[in-house]
Amino acid sequence: MPVKQFISSVVLLATASASSLALASTIELSDPAVRAMPPGAPASGAYVTLTNHSDQERFLVDVESDAADTVEIHISKMEGETMVMERVPHIAVPAHGQAMLKPGGYHIMMIGLAKPFKVGDQVKFTLVMKNGERIPMQAPVMSPEQMASYMPAGMSMKHMDHSTMKHDDMKSHAGHEMKDKDEHSAHH
């Protein structure tokens, strides 16, 4: 291989590697957690804060995990006296800002758990960004008491109980309604 071609290849490889490293470092994950559920519960939620260190808005478009049959991005909100959960197509992470996935708001919904989660277990996820970036995440399983710090003011984990969700009836669980954001209009 001629020296000039070799140097060009090294420079190209170094540039590609630096670009990949810069891209990978623009989203920072903090405070990941998965809610422990009673034995036999078919669903659980996962939470994390995404911090965007770039100058461009970024979008979380998918979450993957072998821990459940179905993994979706949801938002919970009150409609009158009823907590409604809707599947959303993405979550925006503003430039130099944060997106918080927490009980009572955006969260990762896991339906059809592969095995019961026990406090202290670690659950692996891959967060998929709109630009194709795949960000690995490992989240500890926490008890409802440990999860209390994730709750918005005035809301309790009792209010967010996913333990009685019927896997066969994804539109209703624990007295809450579930809507598919792709099928129903709302905000965002």
Protein backbone atom coordinates (compact mmCIF):
# COMPACT_ATOMS: atom_id res chain seq x y z
CA MET A 1 0.00 0.00 0.00
CA PRO A 2 1.49 3.37 -0.95
CA VAL A 3 2.37 5.61 1.99
CA LYS A 4 0.03 8.41 0.84
CA GLN A 5 -2.95 6.00 0.63
CA PHE A 6 -2.03 4.52 4.04
CA ILE A 7 -1.91 7.97 5.67
CA SER A 8 -5.23 8.91 4.05
CA SER A 9 -6.78 5.71 5.40
CA VAL A 10 -5.45 6.38 8.90
CA VAL A 11 -6.74 9.98 8.84
CA LEU A 12 -10.15 8.83 7.56
CA LEU A 13 -10.36 6.12 10.22
CA ALA A 14 -9.30 8.54 12.98
CA THR A 15 -11.89 11.10 11.81
CA ALA A 16 -14.65 8.48 11.73
CA SER A 17 -13.67 7.25 15.19
CA ALA A 18 -13.62 10.78 16.61
CA SER A 19 -17.04 11.49 15.07
CA SER A 20 -18.46 8.31 16.60
CA LEU A 21 -17.03 9.18 20.00
CA ALA A 22 -18.37 12.72 19.82
CA LEU A 23 -21.81 11.46 18.79
CA ALA A 24 -21.87 8.84 21.53
CA SER A 25 -21.01 11.39 24.19
CA THR A 26 -23.78 13.90 23.39
CA ILE A 27 -26.49 12.04 25.36
CA GLU A 28 -25.78 11.30 29.01
CA LEU A 29 -27.97 8.91 31.02
CA SER A 30 -28.50 9.36 34.75
CA ASP A 31 -30.61 7.84 37.52
CA PRO A 32 -31.84 4.76 35.64
CA ALA A 33 -34.33 2.62 37.56
CA VAL A 34 -36.87 -0.17 37.05
CA ARG A 35 -39.81 -0.60 39.38
CA ALA A 36 -39.93 -3.94 41.24
CA MET A 37 -43.25 -5.69 40.79
CA PRO A 38 -45.05 -8.43 42.74
CA PRO A 39 -44.61 -12.01 41.46
CA GLY A 40 -46.82 -12.68 38.45
CA ALA A 41 -47.11 -9.02 37.44
CA PRO A 42 -47.03 -8.83 33.64
CA ALA A 43 -45.69 -5.27 33.37
CA SER A 44 -43.32 -2.75 34.88
CA GLY A 45 -41.88 0.68 34.15
CA ALA A 46 -38.36 1.98 33.68
CA TYR A 47 -37.14 5.51 34.22
CA VAL A 48 -34.05 7.57 33.36
CA THR A 49 -32.96 11.14 32.74
CA LEU A 50 -31.44 11.89 29.33
CA THR A 51 -29.19 14.95 29.14
CA ASN A 52 -28.34 16.31 25.70
CA HIS A 53 -24.91 17.96 25.53
CA SER A 54 -25.23 18.84 21.84
CA ASP A 55 -26.43 21.95 20.01
CA GLN A 56 -29.27 20.02 18.34
CA GLU A 57 -32.53 18.61 19.65
CA ARG A 58 -32.35 14.80 19.79
CA PHE A 59 -35.19 12.27 19.78
CA LEU A 60 -35.54 8.97 21.63
CA VAL A 61 -37.58 6.84 19.19
CA ASP A 62 -37.36 3.30 20.55
CA VAL A 63 -36.22 1.22 23.49
CA GLU A 64 -35.17 -2.43 23.23
CA SER A 65 -34.80 -5.03 25.97
CA ASP A 66 -34.91 -8.80 26.29
CA ALA A 67 -36.58 -8.31 29.70
CA ALA A 68 -40.10 -8.09 28.20
CA ASP A 69 -42.09 -9.17 25.16
CA THR A 70 -43.05 -5.57 24.39
CA VAL A 71 -41.11 -2.42 25.27
CA GLU A 72 -42.72 0.94 24.44
CA ILE A 73 -42.31 4.62 25.20
CA HIS A 74 -45.36 5.91 27.12
CA ILE A 75 -46.64 9.03 28.81
CA SER A 76 -48.95 9.01 31.83
CA LYS A 77 -51.28 11.90 32.50
CA MET A 78 -54.43 12.64 34.41
CA GLU A 79 -57.67 13.04 32.47
CA GLY A 80 -60.19 13.99 35.13
CA GLU A 81 -59.99 11.29 37.82
CA THR A 82 -58.37 8.72 35.53
CA MET A 83 -54.69 8.12 34.89
CA VAL A 84 -54.30 7.62 31.14
CA MET A 85 -51.22 6.04 29.58
CA GLU A 86 -50.47 6.66 25.93
CA ARG A 87 -47.82 5.20 23.70
CA VAL A 88 -45.80 7.98 22.07
CA PRO A 89 -43.66 7.80 18.92
CA HIS A 90 -40.70 9.67 20.45
CA ILE A 91 -39.45 11.86 23.26
CA ALA A 92 -37.64 15.09 22.40
CA VAL A 93 -34.43 15.85 24.29
CA PRO A 94 -33.80 19.59 23.82
CA ALA A 95 -30.37 20.94 22.87
CA HIS A 96 -28.38 21.44 26.08
CA GLY A 97 -31.42 20.21 28.01
CA GLN A 98 -32.97 17.16 29.60
CA ALA A 99 -35.84 14.74 29.15
CA MET A 100 -36.89 13.04 32.38
CA LEU A 101 -38.59 9.66 32.19
CA LYS A 102 -40.31 9.26 35.56
CA PRO A 103 -43.50 7.91 37.13
CA GLY A 104 -46.43 10.13 36.28
CA GLY A 105 -44.83 11.29 33.02
CA TYR A 106 -42.81 9.78 30.21
CA HIS A 107 -41.55 6.28 30.95
CA ILE A 108 -40.45 3.02 29.39
CA MET A 109 -43.31 0.49 29.59
CA MET A 110 -42.35 -3.18 29.66
CA ILE A 111 -45.22 -5.59 28.98
CA GLY A 112 -44.96 -9.38 29.21
CA LEU A 113 -42.00 -9.60 31.56
CA ALA A 114 -39.57 -12.40 30.73
CA LYS A 115 -39.06 -13.10 34.46
CA PRO A 116 -40.04 -11.44 37.73
CA PHE A 117 -37.87 -8.47 38.69
CA LYS A 118 -36.32 -8.60 42.15
CA VAL A 119 -34.93 -5.62 44.02
CA GLY A 120 -31.24 -5.36 43.15
CA ASP A 121 -31.54 -7.05 39.74
CA GLN A 122 -30.07 -5.18 36.76
CA VAL A 123 -32.13 -4.82 33.57
CA LYS A 124 -30.38 -4.10 30.26
CA PHE A 125 -31.85 -1.77 27.64
CA THR A 126 -30.79 -0.18 24.38
CA LEU A 127 -32.12 3.34 23.80
CA VAL A 128 -32.46 4.11 20.09
CA MET A 129 -32.17 7.72 18.93
CA LYS A 130 -33.69 9.07 15.71
CA ASN A 131 -30.21 9.53 14.19
CA GLY A 132 -29.56 5.79 14.61
CA GLU A 133 -27.41 6.08 17.71
CA ARG A 134 -27.89 3.13 20.09
CA ILE A 135 -27.18 3.86 23.74
CA PRO A 136 -26.79 0.94 26.18
CA MET A 137 -28.39 1.35 29.59
CA GLN A 138 -28.39 -0.87 32.64
CA ALA A 139 -30.98 -0.02 35.31
CA PRO A 140 -31.27 -1.39 38.85
CA VAL A 141 -34.61 -2.79 40.02
CA MET A 142 -35.85 -0.71 42.96
CA SER A 143 -38.56 -1.19 45.57
CA PRO A 144 -41.55 1.19 45.72
CA GLU A 145 -39.88 2.85 48.72
CA GLN A 146 -36.66 3.39 46.76
CA MET A 147 -38.72 4.68 43.82
CA ALA A 148 -40.34 7.38 45.98
CA SER A 149 -37.57 9.82 45.03
CA TYR A 150 -38.63 9.50 41.37
CA MET A 151 -42.23 10.57 42.04
CA PRO A 152 -43.57 14.01 41.15
CA ALA A 153 -44.94 15.98 44.11
CA GLY A 154 -48.37 14.81 45.21
CA MET A 155 -48.24 11.42 43.49
CA SER A 156 -47.66 8.04 45.11
CA MET A 157 -46.51 4.72 43.69
CA LYS A 158 -49.90 3.32 44.72
CA HIS A 159 -51.41 5.66 42.15
CA MET A 160 -49.11 4.21 39.47
CA ASP A 161 -49.71 0.51 40.22
CA HIS A 162 -49.07 -1.53 37.07
CA SER A 163 -49.29 -4.87 38.89
CA THR A 164 -52.87 -5.66 37.92
CA MET A 165 -52.46 -4.88 34.24
CA LYS A 166 -54.07 -7.51 32.05
CA HIS A 167 -51.59 -8.53 29.36
CA ASP A 168 -54.44 -9.61 27.07
CA ASP A 169 -56.24 -6.27 27.39
CA MET A 170 -53.62 -3.59 26.76
CA LYS A 171 -56.22 -0.80 26.70
CA SER A 172 -57.05 -1.09 30.39
CA HIS A 173 -55.07 -1.81 33.54
CA ALA A 174 -55.30 -1.08 37.23
CA GLY A 175 -58.26 1.19 36.67
CA HIS A 176 -56.22 3.27 34.22
CA GLU A 177 -56.82 3.60 30.52
CA MET A 178 -54.14 3.01 27.95
CA LYS A 179 -54.22 4.66 24.56
CA ASP A 180 -51.90 4.25 21.64
CA LYS A 181 -50.64 7.75 20.89
CA ASP A 182 -50.26 6.77 17.24
CA GLU A 183 -54.01 6.07 17.04
CA HIS A 184 -55.35 8.89 19.23
CA SER A 185 -54.73 12.58 19.01
CA ALA A 186 -53.44 14.51 21.98
CA HIS A 187 -50.36 16.67 22.28
CA HIS A 188 -46.79 16.37 21.04
